[in-house]
Amino acid sequence: MKKRTKTLPAIITGVAILIGGIWMINESRYPNVPAFNDHFTRKFLKKDKKVDDGFYEFKSKTGQYTMWFPEEYRLIHENDEDYVVSRKMYERWVAAYTKEHKKEHQINSISLKFSEGRDP
């Protein structure tokens, strides 16, 4: 029984170190910019597709469009109304970033509404 009580903590510690190492390696593969620091926004961006200085390729979850997305912006996703997608016909989201301007916080945003008409 004593041998078992020493082995179990060692196994748990080893697994925790292994999982932590894998997580750190995975996180280090992303660019160190605000868009990739946000886990929700990162789902839409291609880390190896920097299209221009300060922009990454954004791929819609509807699959209907791609666009240049500024690296300092993040998609707002605090509730179910912030990001809405309905199959391949409709998508709506808002992205924002805050910067210091003349000792005040300036909020900049992008709002997108994509809707595809249906044939009668």
N, C-alpha and C. Protein backbone atom coordinates (compact mmCIF):
# COMPACT_ATOMS: atom_id res chain seq x y z
N MET A 1 0.82 -1.20 0.00
CA MET A 1 0.00 0.00 0.00
C MET A 1 0.86 1.26 0.00
N LYS A 2 1.99 1.25 0.73
CA LYS A 2 2.86 2.42 0.77
C LYS A 2 3.45 2.74 -0.60
N LYS A 3 3.81 1.70 -1.33
CA LYS A 3 4.39 1.90 -2.65
C LYS A 3 3.38 2.56 -3.59
N ARG A 4 2.14 2.17 -3.45
CA ARG A 4 1.08 2.72 -4.28
C ARG A 4 0.85 4.21 -3.99
N THR A 5 0.92 4.63 -2.74
CA THR A 5 0.70 6.03 -2.38
C THR A 5 1.83 6.92 -2.88
N LYS A 6 3.00 6.38 -3.10
CA LYS A 6 4.12 7.18 -3.64
C LYS A 6 4.04 7.23 -5.17
N THR A 7 3.55 6.18 -5.78
CA THR A 7 3.50 6.10 -7.24
C THR A 7 2.42 7.01 -7.81
N LEU A 8 1.26 7.05 -7.19
CA LEU A 8 0.14 7.85 -7.68
C LEU A 8 0.47 9.34 -7.79
N PRO A 9 1.02 9.98 -6.75
CA PRO A 9 1.39 11.40 -6.90
C PRO A 9 2.45 11.63 -7.99
N ALA A 10 3.37 10.68 -8.15
CA ALA A 10 4.40 10.82 -9.18
C ALA A 10 3.78 10.77 -10.57
N ILE A 11 2.81 9.88 -10.76
CA ILE A 11 2.13 9.77 -12.06
C ILE A 11 1.33 11.05 -12.33
N ILE A 12 0.60 11.55 -11.34
CA ILE A 12 -0.20 12.77 -11.50
C ILE A 12 0.71 13.95 -11.83
N THR A 13 1.82 14.07 -11.15
CA THR A 13 2.78 15.15 -11.41
C THR A 13 3.35 15.04 -12.82
N GLY A 14 3.71 13.84 -13.23
CA GLY A 14 4.26 13.63 -14.57
C GLY A 14 3.26 13.99 -15.66
N VAL A 15 2.01 13.59 -15.48
CA VAL A 15 0.97 13.90 -16.46
C VAL A 15 0.73 15.41 -16.51
N ALA A 16 0.71 16.07 -15.36
CA ALA A 16 0.51 17.52 -15.32
C ALA A 16 1.65 18.25 -16.04
N ILE A 17 2.87 17.83 -15.84
CA ILE A 17 4.03 18.44 -16.52
C ILE A 17 3.94 18.21 -18.02
N LEU A 18 3.56 17.02 -18.43
CA LEU A 18 3.43 16.71 -19.85
C LEU A 18 2.34 17.56 -20.51
N ILE A 19 1.19 17.66 -19.89
CA ILE A 19 0.09 18.47 -20.43
C ILE A 19 0.48 19.94 -20.49
N GLY A 20 1.13 20.43 -19.43
CA GLY A 20 1.58 21.82 -19.42
C GLY A 20 2.60 22.09 -20.51
N GLY A 21 3.50 21.17 -20.75
CA GLY A 21 4.50 21.33 -21.81
C GLY A 21 3.87 21.37 -23.19
N ILE A 22 2.92 20.48 -23.42
CA ILE A 22 2.22 20.46 -24.71
C ILE A 22 1.45 21.76 -24.92
N TRP A 23 0.78 22.24 -23.87
CA TRP A 23 0.03 23.49 -23.97
C TRP A 23 0.96 24.66 -24.29
N MET A 24 2.12 24.73 -23.62
CA MET A 24 3.06 25.83 -23.87
C MET A 24 3.60 25.80 -25.29
N ILE A 25 3.91 24.63 -25.79
CA ILE A 25 4.41 24.51 -27.17
C ILE A 25 3.34 24.96 -28.15
N ASN A 26 2.10 24.55 -27.92
CA ASN A 26 0.99 24.93 -28.80
C ASN A 26 0.77 26.45 -28.78
N GLU A 27 0.79 27.06 -27.60
CA GLU A 27 0.58 28.51 -27.48
C GLU A 27 1.71 29.30 -28.14
N SER A 28 2.92 28.79 -28.10
CA SER A 28 4.06 29.53 -28.66
C SER A 28 4.03 29.56 -30.19
N ARG A 29 3.21 28.75 -30.80
CA ARG A 29 3.11 28.73 -32.26
C ARG A 29 2.29 29.87 -32.82
N TYR A 30 1.52 30.55 -31.97
CA TYR A 30 0.68 31.66 -32.42
C TYR A 30 1.45 32.97 -32.33
N PRO A 31 1.19 33.91 -33.25
CA PRO A 31 1.82 35.24 -33.17
C PRO A 31 1.41 35.94 -31.88
N ASN A 32 2.30 36.75 -31.34
CA ASN A 32 2.03 37.45 -30.09
C ASN A 32 1.37 38.80 -30.39
N VAL A 33 0.10 38.73 -30.81
CA VAL A 33 -0.71 39.91 -31.09
C VAL A 33 -2.07 39.73 -30.43
N PRO A 34 -2.79 40.83 -30.14
CA PRO A 34 -4.07 40.72 -29.43
C PRO A 34 -5.08 39.77 -30.08
N ALA A 35 -5.17 39.74 -31.41
CA ALA A 35 -6.14 38.88 -32.07
C ALA A 35 -5.90 37.40 -31.74
N PHE A 36 -4.65 37.01 -31.66
CA PHE A 36 -4.34 35.61 -31.36
C PHE A 36 -4.30 35.33 -29.86
N ASN A 37 -4.20 36.36 -29.05
CA ASN A 37 -4.24 36.17 -27.60
C ASN A 37 -5.66 35.87 -27.12
N ASP A 38 -6.65 36.21 -27.92
CA ASP A 38 -8.04 35.92 -27.60
C ASP A 38 -8.42 34.58 -28.26
N HIS A 39 -8.79 33.60 -27.44
CA HIS A 39 -9.04 32.25 -27.96
C HIS A 39 -10.24 32.19 -28.91
N PHE A 40 -11.25 33.02 -28.70
CA PHE A 40 -12.40 33.01 -29.59
C PHE A 40 -12.03 33.58 -30.96
N THR A 41 -11.34 34.71 -30.98
CA THR A 41 -10.95 35.34 -32.24
C THR A 41 -10.00 34.45 -33.03
N ARG A 42 -9.12 33.79 -32.34
CA ARG A 42 -8.11 32.95 -32.99
C ARG A 42 -8.74 31.82 -33.81
N LYS A 43 -9.94 31.39 -33.47
CA LYS A 43 -10.61 30.31 -34.21
C LYS A 43 -10.91 30.71 -35.65
N PHE A 44 -10.98 32.00 -35.93
CA PHE A 44 -11.32 32.50 -37.26
C PHE A 44 -10.08 32.83 -38.10
N LEU A 45 -8.93 32.95 -37.47
CA LEU A 45 -7.73 33.43 -38.15
C LEU A 45 -6.79 32.30 -38.51
N LYS A 46 -6.07 32.51 -39.59
CA LYS A 46 -5.04 31.55 -39.99
C LYS A 46 -3.69 32.12 -39.57
N LYS A 47 -3.04 31.45 -38.62
CA LYS A 47 -1.80 31.98 -38.05
C LYS A 47 -0.67 32.09 -39.06
N ASP A 48 -0.68 31.26 -40.08
CA ASP A 48 0.39 31.31 -41.06
C ASP A 48 0.00 32.11 -42.31
N LYS A 49 -1.12 32.81 -42.25
CA LYS A 49 -1.60 33.60 -43.39
C LYS A 49 -1.60 35.08 -43.06
N LYS A 50 -0.42 35.66 -42.86
CA LYS A 50 -0.32 37.11 -42.67
C LYS A 50 -0.38 37.72 -44.06
N VAL A 51 -1.48 38.41 -44.36
CA VAL A 51 -1.70 38.91 -45.72
C VAL A 51 -1.01 40.23 -45.99
N ASP A 52 -0.78 41.00 -44.94
CA ASP A 52 -0.07 42.27 -45.07
C ASP A 52 0.40 42.65 -43.68
N ASP A 53 1.19 43.69 -43.58
CA ASP A 53 1.69 44.12 -42.29
C ASP A 53 0.52 44.50 -41.38
N GLY A 54 0.34 43.77 -40.30
CA GLY A 54 -0.72 44.06 -39.35
C GLY A 54 -2.05 43.39 -39.62
N PHE A 55 -2.12 42.51 -40.62
CA PHE A 55 -3.37 41.85 -40.98
C PHE A 55 -3.17 40.35 -41.17
N TYR A 56 -4.18 39.58 -40.75
CA TYR A 56 -4.20 38.14 -40.96
C TYR A 56 -5.48 37.77 -41.69
N GLU A 57 -5.46 36.63 -42.34
CA GLU A 57 -6.65 36.19 -43.06
C GLU A 57 -7.71 35.69 -42.08
N PHE A 58 -8.91 36.22 -42.22
CA PHE A 58 -10.07 35.84 -41.42
C PHE A 58 -10.96 34.99 -42.30
N LYS A 59 -11.34 33.81 -41.83
CA LYS A 59 -12.23 32.94 -42.58
C LYS A 59 -13.54 32.82 -41.83
N SER A 60 -14.61 33.16 -42.49
CA SER A 60 -15.94 33.13 -41.90
C SER A 60 -16.36 31.71 -41.54
N LYS A 61 -17.13 31.59 -40.48
CA LYS A 61 -17.66 30.28 -40.09
C LYS A 61 -18.75 29.81 -41.05
N THR A 62 -19.31 30.73 -41.84
CA THR A 62 -20.27 30.32 -42.86
C THR A 62 -19.55 29.73 -44.07
N GLY A 63 -18.25 30.03 -44.19
CA GLY A 63 -17.48 29.56 -45.34
C GLY A 63 -17.72 30.37 -46.60
N GLN A 64 -18.47 31.47 -46.49
CA GLN A 64 -18.86 32.26 -47.65
C GLN A 64 -17.86 33.37 -48.01
N TYR A 65 -17.00 33.76 -47.08
CA TYR A 65 -16.08 34.85 -47.38
C TYR A 65 -14.82 34.75 -46.52
N THR A 66 -13.78 35.41 -46.99
CA THR A 66 -12.56 35.65 -46.21
C THR A 66 -12.28 37.14 -46.29
N MET A 67 -11.52 37.64 -45.35
CA MET A 67 -11.20 39.07 -45.35
C MET A 67 -9.90 39.30 -44.59
N TRP A 68 -9.35 40.48 -44.71
CA TRP A 68 -8.19 40.88 -43.93
C TRP A 68 -8.68 41.34 -42.57
N PHE A 69 -8.10 40.81 -41.51
CA PHE A 69 -8.52 41.16 -40.16
C PHE A 69 -7.34 41.81 -39.43
N PRO A 70 -7.52 43.00 -38.85
CA PRO A 70 -6.42 43.69 -38.16
C PRO A 70 -5.97 42.92 -36.92
N GLU A 71 -4.68 42.81 -36.73
CA GLU A 71 -4.15 42.00 -35.62
C GLU A 71 -4.42 42.58 -34.24
N GLU A 72 -4.75 43.85 -34.13
CA GLU A 72 -4.99 44.43 -32.81
C GLU A 72 -6.46 44.31 -32.36
N TYR A 73 -7.34 43.88 -33.24
CA TYR A 73 -8.76 43.74 -32.91
C TYR A 73 -9.06 42.36 -32.33
N ARG A 74 -10.17 42.29 -31.57
CA ARG A 74 -10.68 41.03 -31.03
C ARG A 74 -12.18 41.00 -31.26
N LEU A 75 -12.69 39.81 -31.56
CA LEU A 75 -14.14 39.66 -31.69
C LEU A 75 -14.76 39.75 -30.31
N ILE A 76 -15.85 40.48 -30.21
CA ILE A 76 -16.57 40.58 -28.93
C ILE A 76 -17.45 39.35 -28.81
N HIS A 77 -17.39 38.70 -27.67
CA HIS A 77 -18.15 37.45 -27.50
C HIS A 77 -18.58 37.25 -26.05
N GLU A 78 -19.12 38.28 -25.46
CA GLU A 78 -19.53 38.21 -24.06
C GLU A 78 -20.87 37.52 -23.88
N ASN A 79 -21.74 37.55 -24.88
CA ASN A 79 -23.02 36.84 -24.78
C ASN A 79 -23.41 36.30 -26.16
N ASP A 80 -24.53 35.62 -26.23
CA ASP A 80 -24.95 34.96 -27.46
C ASP A 80 -25.32 35.93 -28.58
N GLU A 81 -25.53 37.19 -28.27
CA GLU A 81 -25.91 38.16 -29.29
C GLU A 81 -24.70 38.82 -29.95
N ASP A 82 -23.51 38.68 -29.37
CA ASP A 82 -22.32 39.32 -29.92
C ASP A 82 -21.85 38.67 -31.21
N TYR A 83 -21.89 37.36 -31.25
CA TYR A 83 -21.54 36.65 -32.48
C TYR A 83 -22.70 35.74 -32.83
N VAL A 84 -23.30 35.96 -33.99
CA VAL A 84 -24.45 35.17 -34.41
C VAL A 84 -24.16 34.59 -35.78
N VAL A 85 -24.40 33.30 -35.93
CA VAL A 85 -24.26 32.65 -37.24
C VAL A 85 -25.44 31.71 -37.41
N SER A 86 -26.02 31.74 -38.60
CA SER A 86 -27.15 30.88 -38.91
C SER A 86 -26.85 30.15 -40.21
N ARG A 87 -26.38 28.96 -40.07
CA ARG A 87 -25.98 28.12 -41.21
C ARG A 87 -25.11 28.90 -42.18
N LYS A 88 -25.41 28.81 -43.47
CA LYS A 88 -24.59 29.51 -44.46
C LYS A 88 -25.26 30.77 -44.98
N MET A 89 -26.32 31.20 -44.32
CA MET A 89 -27.07 32.34 -44.83
C MET A 89 -26.81 33.64 -44.08
N TYR A 90 -26.37 33.57 -42.84
CA TYR A 90 -26.32 34.78 -42.03
C TYR A 90 -25.18 34.71 -41.01
N GLU A 91 -24.51 35.85 -40.84
CA GLU A 91 -23.46 35.96 -39.82
C GLU A 91 -23.36 37.43 -39.41
N ARG A 92 -23.22 37.66 -38.11
CA ARG A 92 -23.07 39.02 -37.59
C ARG A 92 -22.07 39.00 -36.44
N TRP A 93 -21.13 39.95 -36.46
CA TRP A 93 -20.18 40.06 -35.36
C TRP A 93 -19.65 41.48 -35.25
N VAL A 94 -19.05 41.76 -34.10
CA VAL A 94 -18.41 43.05 -33.85
C VAL A 94 -17.02 42.76 -33.29
N ALA A 95 -16.04 43.48 -33.79
CA ALA A 95 -14.68 43.39 -33.29
C ALA A 95 -14.27 44.77 -32.80
N ALA A 96 -13.45 44.82 -31.75
CA ALA A 96 -13.05 46.12 -31.20
C ALA A 96 -11.66 46.04 -30.61
N TYR A 97 -11.07 47.22 -30.48
CA TYR A 97 -9.84 47.35 -29.69
C TYR A 97 -9.82 48.74 -29.07
N THR A 98 -9.15 48.83 -27.93
CA THR A 98 -9.05 50.08 -27.18
C THR A 98 -7.60 50.54 -27.19
N LYS A 99 -7.41 51.83 -27.44
CA LYS A 99 -6.04 52.38 -27.36
C LYS A 99 -6.08 53.71 -26.63
N GLU A 100 -4.97 54.06 -26.09
CA GLU A 100 -4.81 55.32 -25.37
C GLU A 100 -4.61 56.44 -26.39
N HIS A 101 -5.43 57.49 -26.28
CA HIS A 101 -5.30 58.63 -27.19
C HIS A 101 -5.55 59.91 -26.39
N LYS A 102 -4.53 60.73 -26.26
CA LYS A 102 -4.61 61.98 -25.51
C LYS A 102 -5.14 61.75 -24.09
N LYS A 103 -4.55 60.75 -23.44
CA LYS A 103 -4.87 60.39 -22.05
C LYS A 103 -6.30 59.89 -21.85
N GLU A 104 -6.94 59.48 -22.91
CA GLU A 104 -8.28 58.90 -22.84
C GLU A 104 -8.28 57.58 -23.60
N HIS A 105 -9.21 56.70 -23.23
CA HIS A 105 -9.35 55.43 -23.94
C HIS A 105 -10.24 55.64 -25.16
N GLN A 106 -9.71 55.28 -26.30
CA GLN A 106 -10.45 55.40 -27.55
C GLN A 106 -10.82 53.99 -28.00
N ILE A 107 -12.10 53.74 -28.22
CA ILE A 107 -12.57 52.42 -28.65
C ILE A 107 -12.83 52.47 -30.15
N ASN A 108 -12.18 51.59 -30.87
CA ASN A 108 -12.36 51.46 -32.32
C ASN A 108 -13.07 50.14 -32.57
N SER A 109 -13.97 50.11 -33.53
CA SER A 109 -14.70 48.86 -33.76
C SER A 109 -14.99 48.63 -35.24
N ILE A 110 -15.22 47.36 -35.55
CA ILE A 110 -15.64 46.92 -36.87
C ILE A 110 -16.92 46.13 -36.65
N SER A 111 -17.93 46.42 -37.42
CA SER A 111 -19.19 45.69 -37.32
C SER A 111 -19.47 45.06 -38.68
N LEU A 112 -19.79 43.77 -38.68
CA LEU A 112 -20.05 43.09 -39.93
C LEU A 112 -21.39 42.36 -39.87
N LYS A 113 -22.14 42.49 -40.93
CA LYS A 113 -23.38 41.72 -41.08
C LYS A 113 -23.36 41.12 -42.47
N PHE A 114 -23.33 39.81 -42.53
CA PHE A 114 -23.33 39.08 -43.80
C PHE A 114 -24.65 38.34 -43.91
N SER A 115 -25.37 38.57 -45.00
CA SER A 115 -26.58 37.80 -45.24
C SER A 115 -26.70 37.52 -46.73
N GLU A 116 -27.06 36.34 -47.02
CA GLU A 116 -27.19 35.92 -48.41
C GLU A 116 -28.67 35.71 -48.67
N GLY A 117 -29.18 36.35 -49.70
CA GLY A 117 -30.59 36.21 -50.03
C GLY A 117 -30.91 34.81 -50.52
N ARG A 118 -32.10 34.38 -50.26
CA ARG A 118 -32.56 33.08 -50.73
C ARG A 118 -33.33 33.24 -52.03
N ASP A 119 -33.18 32.29 -52.92
CA ASP A 119 -33.96 32.31 -54.17
C ASP A 119 -35.40 31.90 -53.87
N PRO A 120 -36.37 32.59 -54.45
CA PRO A 120 -37.79 32.24 -54.18
C PRO A 120 -38.17 30.89 -54.75
